[in-house]
PDB file of N, CA and C in Angstrom:
ATOM      1  N   MET A   1     -87.099-121.787 200.996  1.00  0.00           N
ATOM      2  CA  MET A   1     -87.193-121.043 202.300  1.00  0.00           C
ATOM      3  C   MET A   1     -86.369-120.261 202.031  1.00  0.00           C
ATOM      4  N   ILE A   2     -87.522-119.282 203.039  1.00  0.00           N
ATOM      5  CA  ILE A   2     -86.108-117.385 202.843  1.00  0.00           C
ATOM      6  C   ILE A   2     -86.865-117.436 204.325  1.00  0.00           C
ATOM      7  N   ASP A   3     -85.366-117.337 205.213  1.00  0.00           N
ATOM      8  CA  ASP A   3     -85.434-116.657 206.650  1.00  0.00           C
ATOM      9  C   ASP A   3     -85.830-114.932 206.002  1.00  0.00           C
ATOM     10  N   TRP A   4     -87.156-114.027 206.032  1.00  0.00           N
ATOM     11  CA  TRP A   4     -87.512-112.601 206.271  1.00  0.00           C
ATOM     12  C   TRP A   4     -87.050-112.204 207.108  1.00  0.00           C
ATOM     13  N   LEU A   5     -86.450-112.499 208.199  1.00  0.00           N
ATOM     14  CA  LEU A   5     -85.955-111.942 209.481  1.00  0.00           C
ATOM     15  C   LEU A   5     -85.046-111.550 208.986  1.00  0.00           C
ATOM     16  N   ARG A   6     -83.519-112.040 208.700  1.00  0.00           N
ATOM     17  CA  ARG A   6     -82.518-112.226 208.785  1.00  0.00           C
ATOM     18  C   ARG A   6     -82.084-111.557 207.603  1.00  0.00           C
ATOM     19  N   MET A   7     -83.174-111.133 206.297  1.00  0.00           N
ATOM     20  CA  MET A   7     -83.091-109.555 205.289  1.00  0.00           C
ATOM     21  C   MET A   7     -83.605-109.510 205.914  1.00  0.00           C
ATOM     22  N   ALA A   8     -84.095-109.292 206.737  1.00  0.00           N
ATOM     23  CA  ALA A   8     -84.686-107.214 207.088  1.00  0.00           C
ATOM     24  C   ALA A   8     -83.810-106.885 208.604  1.00  0.00           C
ATOM     25  N   GLU A   9     -82.441-107.592 208.865  1.00  0.00           N
ATOM     26  CA  GLU A   9     -82.017-107.556 210.086  1.00  0.00           C
ATOM     27  C   GLU A   9     -80.346-107.256 208.799  1.00  0.00           C
ATOM     28  N   LEU A  10     -80.410-107.169 208.014  1.00  0.00           N
ATOM     29  CA  LEU A  10     -79.410-107.439 207.400  1.00  0.00           C
ATOM     30  C   LEU A  10     -79.501-106.020 206.628  1.00  0.00           C
ATOM     31  N   ARG A  11     -80.827-105.885 205.619  1.00  0.00           N
ATOM     32  CA  ARG A  11     -80.665-103.877 205.780  1.00  0.00           C
ATOM     33  C   ARG A  11     -80.694-103.243 207.245  1.00  0.00           C
ATOM     34  N   ASP A  12     -80.953-103.555 208.126  1.00  0.00           N
ATOM     35  CA  ASP A  12     -81.231-102.562 208.661  1.00  0.00           C
ATOM     36  C   ASP A  12     -80.071-102.027 209.079  1.00  0.00           C
ATOM     37  N   GLU A  13     -79.275-103.434 209.342  1.00  0.00           N
ATOM     38  CA  GLU A  13     -77.230-103.382 209.672  1.00  0.00           C
ATOM     39  C   GLU A  13     -76.714-102.344 208.295  1.00  0.00           C
ATOM     40  N   ILE A  14     -76.926-102.429 206.975  1.00  0.00           N
ATOM     41  CA  ILE A  14     -76.127-100.898 205.704  1.00  0.00           C
ATOM     42  C   ILE A  14     -77.028-100.936 205.548  1.00  0.00           C
ATOM     43  N   GLY A  15     -79.074-100.392 205.910  1.00  0.00           N
ATOM     44  CA  GLY A  15     -79.534 -99.954 204.534  1.00  0.00           C
ATOM     45  C   GLY A  15     -79.749-100.711 203.408  1.00  0.00           C
ATOM     46  N   GLN A  16     -80.845 -99.895 203.342  1.00  0.00           N
ATOM     47  CA  GLN A  16     -81.853 -99.875 202.113  1.00  0.00           C
ATOM     48  C   GLN A  16     -80.650 -99.660 200.655  1.00  0.00           C
ATOM     49  N   ASP A  17     -80.471 -99.125 200.344  1.00  0.00           N
ATOM     50  CA  ASP A  17     -79.302 -98.984 199.434  1.00  0.00           C
ATOM     51  C   ASP A  17     -78.079 -99.921 199.481  1.00  0.00           C
ATOM     52  N   GLY A  18     -77.571 -99.846 200.178  1.00  0.00           N
ATOM     53  CA  GLY A  18     -76.480-101.598 200.014  1.00  0.00           C
ATOM     54  C   GLY A  18     -76.790-103.001 199.991  1.00  0.00           C
ATOM     55  N   PHE A  19     -78.536-102.829 201.003  1.00  0.00           N
ATOM     56  CA  PHE A  19     -79.133-103.951 200.481  1.00  0.00           C
ATOM     57  C   PHE A  19     -79.514-104.064 199.783  1.00  0.00           C
ATOM     58  N   ASP A  20     -79.869-104.105 198.963  1.00  0.00           N
ATOM     59  CA  ASP A  20     -79.967-104.005 197.094  1.00  0.00           C
ATOM     60  C   ASP A  20     -79.081-104.013 196.751  1.00  0.00           C
ATOM     61  N   GLU A  21     -77.731-103.221 196.942  1.00  0.00           N
ATOM     62  CA  GLU A  21     -76.754-103.584 195.995  1.00  0.00           C
ATOM     63  C   GLU A  21     -75.916-105.166 195.932  1.00  0.00           C
ATOM     64  N   VAL A  22     -75.730-105.223 197.847  1.00  0.00           N
ATOM     65  CA  VAL A  22     -75.752-106.752 197.668  1.00  0.00           C
ATOM     66  C   VAL A  22     -76.820-108.363 197.556  1.00  0.00           C
ATOM     67  N   VAL A  23     -77.713-107.978 197.242  1.00  0.00           N
ATOM     68  CA  VAL A  23     -78.479-108.584 197.392  1.00  0.00           C
ATOM     69  C   VAL A  23     -78.091-108.739 195.312  1.00  0.00           C
ATOM     70  N   ASP A  24     -77.935-107.764 195.054  1.00  0.00           N
ATOM     71  CA  ASP A  24     -77.775-106.893 193.277  1.00  0.00           C
ATOM     72  C   ASP A  24     -77.106-108.434 192.778  1.00  0.00           C
ATOM     73  N   VAL A  25     -75.657-107.994 193.973  1.00  0.00           N
ATOM     74  CA  VAL A  25     -74.336-108.564 194.117  1.00  0.00           C
ATOM     75  C   VAL A  25     -74.483-110.554 194.164  1.00  0.00           C
ATOM     76  N   PHE A  26     -75.238-110.510 194.721  1.00  0.00           N
ATOM     77  CA  PHE A  26     -75.588-112.038 195.563  1.00  0.00           C
ATOM     78  C   PHE A  26     -76.139-112.391 194.807  1.00  0.00           C
ATOM     79  N   LEU A  27     -77.025-112.140 193.883  1.00  0.00           N
ATOM     80  CA  LEU A  27     -78.072-112.706 193.149  1.00  0.00           C
ATOM     81  C   LEU A  27     -77.048-113.440 191.841  1.00  0.00           C
ATOM     82  N   GLU A  28     -76.653-112.014 190.958  1.00  0.00           N
ATOM     83  CA  GLU A  28     -75.300-112.635 190.060  1.00  0.00           C
ATOM     84  C   GLU A  28     -74.857-113.850 190.511  1.00  0.00           C
ATOM     85  N   GLU A  29     -73.660-113.472 191.338  1.00  0.00           N
ATOM     86  CA  GLU A  29     -72.826-114.019 191.558  1.00  0.00           C
ATOM     87  C   GLU A  29     -73.196-115.686 191.774  1.00  0.00           C
ATOM     88  N   ALA A  30     -74.006-116.061 192.711  1.00  0.00           N
ATOM     89  CA  ALA A  30     -74.647-117.017 193.520  1.00  0.00           C
ATOM     90  C   ALA A  30     -75.054-118.036 191.885  1.00  0.00           C
ATOM     91  N   GLY A  31     -76.363-116.940 191.150  1.00  0.00           N
ATOM     92  CA  GLY A  31     -76.132-117.091 189.633  1.00  0.00           C
ATOM     93  C   GLY A  31     -75.393-118.367 188.916  1.00  0.00           C
ATOM     94  N   GLU A  32     -74.185-117.518 188.730  1.00  0.00           N
ATOM     95  CA  GLU A  32     -73.211-117.751 188.263  1.00  0.00           C
ATOM     96  C   GLU A  32     -72.815-119.464 188.564  1.00  0.00           C
ATOM     97  N   VAL A  33     -72.931-119.616 190.001  1.00  0.00           N
ATOM     98  CA  VAL A  33     -72.082-120.260 190.444  1.00  0.00           C
ATOM     99  C   VAL A  33     -72.883-121.315 190.191  1.00  0.00           C
ATOM    100  N   VAL A  34     -74.778-121.290 190.750  1.00  0.00           N
ATOM    101  CA  VAL A  34     -75.588-122.697 189.937  1.00  0.00           C
ATOM    102  C   VAL A  34     -75.379-123.441 188.489  1.00  0.00           C
ATOM    103  N   ILE A  35     -74.812-122.026 187.615  1.00  0.00           N
ATOM    104  CA  ILE A  35     -75.285-122.302 186.539  1.00  0.00           C
ATOM    105  C   ILE A  35     -73.637-123.136 186.219  1.00  0.00           C
ATOM    106  N   ARG A  36     -72.419-123.543 186.849  1.00  0.00           N
ATOM    107  CA  ARG A  36     -71.767-124.293 186.864  1.00  0.00           C
ATOM    108  C   ARG A  36     -72.054-125.328 188.293  1.00  0.00           C
ATOM    109  N   LEU A  37     -73.022-125.701 188.534  1.00  0.00           N
ATOM    110  CA  LEU A  37     -72.962-126.580 189.374  1.00  0.00           C
ATOM    111  C   LEU A  37     -73.604-127.436 188.315  1.00  0.00           C
ATOM    112  N   ASP A  38     -74.002-127.371 187.488  1.00  0.00           N
ATOM    113  CA  ASP A  38     -74.734-128.334 186.381  1.00  0.00           C
ATOM    114  C   ASP A  38     -73.809-129.473 185.870  1.00  0.00           C
ATOM    115  N   ARG A  39     -72.131-128.513 185.866  1.00  0.00           N
ATOM    116  CA  ARG A  39     -71.905-129.553 185.187  1.00  0.00           C
ATOM    117  C   ARG A  39     -70.574-130.060 186.109  1.00  0.00           C
ATOM    118  N   GLY A  40     -70.550-130.399 186.992  1.00  0.00           N
ATOM    119  CA  GLY A  40     -69.663-130.722 188.407  1.00  0.00           C
ATOM    120  C   GLY A  40     -69.972-129.691 189.227  1.00  0.00           C
ATOM    121  N   PRO A  41     -70.324-130.678 190.495  1.00  0.00           N
ATOM    122  CA  PRO A  41     -70.414-129.518 191.900  1.00  0.00           C
ATOM    123  C   PRO A  41     -69.166-129.767 192.456  1.00  0.00           C
ATOM    124  N   THR A  42     -68.640-128.597 193.202  1.00  0.00           N
ATOM    125  CA  THR A  42     -67.541-128.576 193.598  1.00  0.00           C
ATOM    126  C   THR A  42     -67.016-128.161 195.212  1.00  0.00           C
ATOM    127  N   LEU A  43     -66.817-128.830 196.123  1.00  0.00           N
ATOM    128  CA  LEU A  43     -67.189-128.149 197.497  1.00  0.00           C
ATOM    129  C   LEU A  43     -67.044-126.732 197.558  1.00  0.00           C
ATOM    130  N   GLU A  44     -65.919-126.100 196.385  1.00  0.00           N
ATOM    131  CA  GLU A  44     -65.347-124.956 196.795  1.00  0.00           C
ATOM    132  C   GLU A  44     -66.452-124.144 196.731  1.00  0.00           C
ATOM    133  N   ASP A  45     -67.253-124.383 194.969  1.00  0.00           N
ATOM    134  CA  ASP A  45     -68.959-123.561 194.611  1.00  0.00           C
ATOM    135  C   ASP A  45     -69.328-123.752 195.825  1.00  0.00           C
ATOM    136  N   LEU A  46     -69.874-125.647 196.426  1.00  0.00           N
ATOM    137  CA  LEU A  46     -70.857-125.972 197.224  1.00  0.00           C
ATOM    138  C   LEU A  46     -71.135-124.613 198.237  1.00  0.00           C
ATOM    139  N   HIS A  47     -69.526-124.628 199.250  1.00  0.00           N
ATOM    140  CA  HIS A  47     -68.774-123.471 200.418  1.00  0.00           C
ATOM    141  C   HIS A  47     -69.686-122.162 200.002  1.00  0.00           C
ATOM    142  N   PHE A  48     -69.357-121.377 198.439  1.00  0.00           N
ATOM    143  CA  PHE A  48     -69.530-120.389 198.558  1.00  0.00           C
ATOM    144  C   PHE A  48     -71.115-119.907 198.654  1.00  0.00           C
ATOM    145  N   LEU A  49     -71.250-121.142 197.600  1.00  0.00           N
ATOM    146  CA  LEU A  49     -73.369-120.606 197.881  1.00  0.00           C
ATOM    147  C   LEU A  49     -73.821-121.049 199.228  1.00  0.00           C
ATOM    148  N   LYS A  50     -73.622-121.936 200.122  1.00  0.00           N
ATOM    149  CA  LYS A  50     -73.956-121.988 201.034  1.00  0.00           C
ATOM    150  C   LYS A  50     -73.677-120.146 202.081  1.00  0.00           C
ATOM    151  N   GLY A  51     -72.741-119.836 202.292  1.00  0.00           N
ATOM    152  CA  GLY A  51     -72.351-119.126 203.005  1.00  0.00           C
ATOM    153  C   GLY A  51     -73.228-117.441 202.663  1.00  0.00           C
ATOM    154  N   SER A  52     -72.974-117.646 201.300  1.00  0.00           N
ATOM    155  CA  SER A  52     -73.752-116.689 201.034  1.00  0.00           C
ATOM    156  C   SER A  52     -75.334-116.307 200.937  1.00  0.00           C
ATOM    157  N   ALA A  53     -75.099-117.674 200.690  1.00  0.00           N
ATOM    158  CA  ALA A  53     -77.445-118.043 200.870  1.00  0.00           C
ATOM    159  C   ALA A  53     -77.065-117.765 202.472  1.00  0.00           C
ATOM    160  N   LEU A  54     -76.735-117.907 203.574  1.00  0.00           N
ATOM    161  CA  LEU A  54     -76.610-118.110 204.261  1.00  0.00           C
ATOM    162  C   LEU A  54     -76.924-116.528 204.967  1.00  0.00           C
ATOM    163  N   ASN A  55     -76.035-116.146 204.529  1.00  0.00           N
ATOM    164  CA  ASN A  55     -75.861-114.499 204.986  1.00  0.00           C
ATOM    165  C   ASN A  55     -77.287-113.667 204.456  1.00  0.00           C
ATOM    166  N   LEU A  56     -77.782-114.445 203.559  1.00  0.00           N
ATOM    167  CA  LEU A  56     -78.634-113.678 202.622  1.00  0.00           C
ATOM    168  C   LEU A  56     -80.377-113.639 203.111  1.00  0.00           C
ATOM    169  N   GLY A  57     -80.095-115.231 204.261  1.00  0.00           N
ATOM    170  CA  GLY A  57     -81.266-115.778 205.153  1.00  0.00           C
ATOM    171  C   GLY A  57     -82.000-116.940 203.972  1.00  0.00           C
ATOM    172  N   PHE A  58     -80.898-117.061 202.758  1.00  0.00           N
ATOM    173  CA  PHE A  58     -81.983-117.790 201.563  1.00  0.00           C
ATOM    174  C   PHE A  58     -81.572-119.955 201.826  1.00  0.00           C
ATOM    175  N   VAL A  59     -81.913-120.288 203.210  1.00  0.00           N
ATOM    176  CA  VAL A  59     -82.408-121.019 203.941  1.00  0.00           C
ATOM    177  C   VAL A  59     -82.257-122.093 203.391  1.00  0.00           C
ATOM    178  N   ALA A  60     -83.189-122.790 202.054  1.00  0.00           N
ATOM    179  CA  ALA A  60     -83.271-123.798 201.588  1.00  0.00           C
ATOM    180  C   ALA A  60     -81.655-124.371 200.433  1.00  0.00           C
ATOM    181  N   VAL A  61     -81.241-122.720 199.827  1.00  0.00           N
ATOM    182  CA  VAL A  61     -80.655-122.742 198.823  1.00  0.00           C
ATOM    183  C   VAL A  61     -78.781-123.469 199.850  1.00  0.00           C
ATOM    184  N   ALA A  62     -78.665-122.383 201.278  1.00  0.00           N
ATOM    185  CA  ALA A  62     -78.139-123.052 202.500  1.00  0.00           C
ATOM    186  C   ALA A  62     -77.878-124.958 202.589  1.00  0.00           C
ATOM    187  N   GLN A  63     -79.119-125.354 203.322  1.00  0.00           N
ATOM    188  CA  GLN A  63     -79.499-126.390 203.984  1.00  0.00           C
ATOM    189  C   GLN A  63     -79.224-127.478 202.063  1.00  0.00           C
ATOM    190  N   LEU A  64     -79.531-127.239 200.931  1.00  0.00           N
ATOM    191  CA  LEU A  64     -78.829-128.151 200.012  1.00  0.00           C
ATOM    192  C   LEU A  64     -77.191-128.341 200.035  1.00  0.00           C
ATOM    193  N   CYS A  65     -76.867-127.589 199.940  1.00  0.00           N
ATOM    194  CA  CYS A  65     -75.287-127.426 199.523  1.00  0.00           C
ATOM    195  C   CYS A  65     -74.814-127.807 200.412  1.00  0.00           C
ATOM    196  N   GLN A  66     -75.084-127.802 201.745  1.00  0.00           N
ATOM    197  CA  GLN A  66     -74.014-127.931 202.780  1.00  0.00           C
ATOM    198  C   GLN A  66     -74.783-130.238 202.383  1.00  0.00           C
ATOM    199  N   GLU A  67     -76.023-130.389 202.511  1.00  0.00           N
ATOM    200  CA  GLU A  67     -76.189-131.677 202.208  1.00  0.00           C
ATOM    201  C   GLU A  67     -75.206-132.308 201.136  1.00  0.00           C
ATOM    202  N   GLY A  68     -75.020-131.035 199.975  1.00  0.00           N
ATOM    203  CA  GLY A  68     -74.203-131.758 198.729  1.00  0.00           C
ATOM    204  C   GLY A  68     -72.287-131.540 199.479  1.00  0.00           C
ATOM    205  N   GLU A  69     -72.021-130.734 199.936  1.00  0.00           N
ATOM    206  CA  GLU A  69     -70.640-130.671 200.254  1.00  0.00           C
ATOM    207  C   GLU A  69     -70.218-132.234 200.978  1.00  0.00           C
ATOM    208  N   ARG A  70     -70.899-132.445 201.666  1.00  0.00           N
ATOM    209  CA  ARG A  70     -71.036-133.931 202.334  1.00  0.00           C
ATOM    210  C   ARG A  70     -71.688-134.545 201.853  1.00  0.00           C
ATOM    211  N   LEU A  71     -71.888-134.938 200.828  1.00  0.00           N
ATOM    212  CA  LEU A  71     -72.177-135.803 199.346  1.00  0.00           C
ATOM    213  C   LEU A  71     -71.002-136.203 199.183  1.00  0.00           C
ATOM    214  N   LEU A  72     -70.285-134.691 198.216  1.00  0.00           N
ATOM    215  CA  LEU A  72     -68.975-134.533 197.976  1.00  0.00           C
ATOM    216  C   LEU A  72     -68.343-135.254 198.464  1.00  0.00           C
ATOM    217  N   ALA A  73     -68.105-134.760 199.705  1.00  0.00           N
ATOM    218  CA  ALA A  73     -66.958-134.771 200.463  1.00  0.00           C
ATOM    219  C   ALA A  73     -66.305-136.481 200.781  1.00  0.00           C
ATOM    220  N   ALA A  74     -67.628-137.469 200.676  1.00  0.00           N
ATOM    221  CA  ALA A  74     -68.617-138.784 201.298  1.00  0.00           C
ATOM    222  C   ALA A  74     -68.152-139.587 199.634  1.00  0.00           C
ATOM    223  N   GLY A  75     -67.294-138.396 198.948  1.00  0.00           N
ATOM    224  CA  GLY A  75     -66.495-139.477 197.182  1.00  0.00           C
ATOM    225  C   GLY A  75     -68.060-139.450 196.847  1.00  0.00           C
ATOM    226  N   GLY A  76     -69.286-138.854 196.881  1.00  0.00           N
ATOM    227  CA  GLY A  76     -70.717-139.103 196.335  1.00  0.00           C
ATOM    228  C   GLY A  76     -70.783-137.844 194.931  1.00  0.00           C
ATOM    229  N   ARG A  77     -71.367-137.933 194.843  1.00  0.00           N
ATOM    230  CA  ARG A  77     -71.275-136.218 193.021  1.00  0.00           C
ATOM    231  C   ARG A  77     -73.289-135.856 193.740  1.00  0.00           C
ATOM    232  N   PRO A  78     -73.176-134.697 194.129  1.00  0.00           N
ATOM    233  CA  PRO A  78     -75.110-133.792 194.692  1.00  0.00           C
ATOM    234  C   PRO A  78     -75.595-133.989 193.152  1.00  0.00           C
ATOM    235  N   ASP A  79     -76.930-133.851 193.634  1.00  0.00           N
ATOM    236  CA  ASP A  79     -78.074-133.510 192.066  1.00  0.00           C
ATOM    237  C   ASP A  79     -78.178-131.750 192.254  1.00  0.00           C
ATOM    238  N   PRO A  80     -77.737-131.415 191.223  1.00  0.00           N
ATOM    239  CA  PRO A  80     -77.551-129.710 191.366  1.00  0.00           C
ATOM    240  C   PRO A  80     -78.308-128.821 191.028  1.00  0.00           C
ATOM    241  N   GLN A  81     -79.369-130.111 190.560  1.00  0.00           N
ATOM    242  CA  GLN A  81     -81.039-129.983 190.390  1.00  0.00           C
ATOM    243  C   GLN A  81     -81.934-128.683 191.729  1.00  0.00           C
ATOM    244  N   PRO A  82     -81.943-129.872 192.755  1.00  0.00           N
ATOM    245  CA  PRO A  82     -82.443-129.558 193.746  1.00  0.00           C
ATOM    246  C   PRO A  82     -82.165-127.631 194.523  1.00  0.00           C
ATOM    247  N   ILE A  83     -80.772-127.815 194.393  1.00  0.00           N
ATOM    248  CA  ILE A  83     -79.765-126.638 194.828  1.00  0.00           C
ATOM    249  C   ILE A  83     -80.329-125.288 193.710  1.00  0.00           C
ATOM    250  N   ALA A  84     -80.784-125.866 192.467  1.00  0.00           N
ATOM    251  CA  ALA A  84     -81.151-124.002 191.420  1.00  0.00           C
ATOM    252  C   ALA A  84     -82.026-124.542 191.409  1.00  0.00           C
ATOM    253  N   ALA A  85     -82.693-125.341 191.173  1.00  0.00           N
ATOM    254  CA  ALA A  85     -84.693-124.783 192.097  1.00  0.00           C
ATOM    255  C   ALA A  85     -85.437-123.974 193.418  1.00  0.00           C
ATOM    256  N   ALA A  86     -83.919-124.376 194.372  1.00  0.00           N
ATOM    257  CA  ALA A  86     -84.344-123.977 195.049  1.00  0.00           C
ATOM    258  C   ALA A  86     -83.614-122.061 194.870  1.00  0.00           C
ATOM    259  N   PHE A  87     -82.609-121.966 194.321  1.00  0.00           N
ATOM    260  CA  PHE A  87     -82.298-120.202 194.535  1.00  0.00           C
ATOM    261  C   PHE A  87     -82.941-120.038 193.703  1.00  0.00           C
ATOM    262  N   ARG A  88     -83.229-121.363 192.147  1.00  0.00           N
ATOM    263  CA  ARG A  88     -84.266-119.761 191.700  1.00  0.00           C
ATOM    264  C   ARG A  88     -85.958-119.261 192.145  1.00  0.00           C
ATOM    265  N   ALA A  89     -86.472-120.602 192.834  1.00  0.00           N
ATOM    266  CA  ALA A  89     -87.213-120.012 193.792  1.00  0.00           C
ATOM    267  C   ALA A  89     -87.082-118.603 195.213  1.00  0.00           C
ATOM    268  N   ALA A  90     -85.662-118.874 195.662  1.00  0.00           N
ATOM    269  CA  ALA A  90     -85.396-118.067 196.512  1.00  0.00           C
ATOM    270  C   ALA A  90     -85.435-116.628 195.922  1.00  0.00           C
ATOM    271  N   ARG A  91     -84.769-116.776 194.518  1.00  0.00           N
ATOM    272  CA  ARG A  91     -84.549-115.311 193.397  1.00  0.00           C
ATOM    273  C   ARG A  91     -86.022-114.356 193.570  1.00  0.00           C
ATOM    274  N   GLU A  92     -87.076-115.279 193.057  1.00  0.00           N
ATOM    275  CA  GLU A  92     -87.797-114.605 192.729  1.00  0.00           C
ATOM    276  C   GLU A  92     -88.775-114.577 193.403  1.00  0.00           C
ATOM    277  N   ALA A  93     -88.714-114.781 194.533  1.00  0.00           N
ATOM    278  CA  ALA A  93     -89.843-114.533 195.579  1.00  0.00           C
ATOM    279  C   ALA A  93     -89.451-112.825 196.366  1.00  0.00           C
ATOM    280  N   VAL A  94     -87.756-113.270 196.157  1.00  0.00           N
ATOM    281  CA  VAL A  94     -86.850-111.448 196.799  1.00  0.00           C
ATOM    282  C   VAL A  94     -86.895-110.623 196.048  1.00  0.00           C
ATOM    283  N   LEU A  95     -87.017-111.206 194.554  1.00  0.00           N
ATOM    284  CA  LEU A  95     -87.377-109.770 193.467  1.00  0.00           C
ATOM    285  C   LEU A  95     -88.677-109.289 193.782  1.00  0.00           C
ATOM    286  N   THR A  96     -90.259-110.098 193.860  1.00  0.00           N
ATOM    287  CA  THR A  96     -90.796-110.045 194.127  1.00  0.00           C
ATOM    288  C   THR A  96     -91.013-109.429 195.172  1.00  0.00           C
ATOM    289  N   ALA A  97     -90.776-109.789 195.394  1.00  0.00           N
ATOM    290  CA  ALA A  97     -90.908-108.979 197.458  1.00  0.00           C
ATOM    291  C   ALA A  97     -90.054-107.320 196.850  1.00  0.00           C
ATOM    292  N   ARG A  98     -89.515-107.357 196.702  1.00  0.00           N
ATOM    293  CA  ARG A  98     -88.754-106.049 195.585  1.00  0.00           C
ATOM    294  C   ARG A  98     -89.347-105.219 195.274  1.00  0.00           C
ATOM    295  N   ALA A  99     -90.171-105.501 193.957  1.00  0.00           N
ATOM    296  CA  ALA A  99     -91.172-105.257 192.778  1.00  0.00           C
ATOM    297  C   ALA A  99     -92.119-104.511 193.720  1.00  0.00           C
ATOM    298  N   ALA A 100     -93.226-104.819 194.284  1.00  0.00           N
ATOM    299  CA  ALA A 100     -94.626-105.025 195.517  1.00  0.00           C
ATOM    300  C   ALA A 100     -93.911-103.728 196.423  1.00  0.00           C
ATOM    301  N   ARG A 101     -92.204-103.456 196.914  1.00  0.00           N
ATOM    302  CA  ARG A 101     -92.469-102.791 197.840  1.00  0.00           C
ATOM    303  C   ARG A 101     -92.126-100.930 197.681  1.00  0.00           C
ATOM    304  N   ALA A 102     -91.272-101.804 196.107  1.00  0.00           N
ATOM    305  CA  ALA A 102     -91.202-100.531 195.220  1.00  0.00           C
ATOM    306  C   ALA A 102     -92.969 -99.573 194.797  1.00  0.00           C
ATOM    307  N   ALA A 103     -93.865-100.705 194.464  1.00  0.00           N
ATOM    308  CA  ALA A 103     -95.138 -99.854 193.491  1.00  0.00           C
ATOM    309  C   ALA A 103     -95.689 -99.267 194.932  1.00  0.00           C
TER     310      ALA A 103
END
């Protein structure tokens, strides 16, 4: 799930060019973190991903990371697959929306 209103607010705050750059950097950096999660989620990675996802409106990703943080703090091991799936779905939705806007 994406908070499209949050994305629009951020775009209004920093302008379209700045917004596109922020999205591109987020998708690259978050994509690297998602890959690392497969090797074993860390609190640092989950926290980074949660905060970045919230900033851009990737609500489902942020919620799953928060659940993962809680589980990890309690001694459990979160499953990284739902986080990765939510990230891929949100990334695809954002890139599709960008392509539609450019058309």
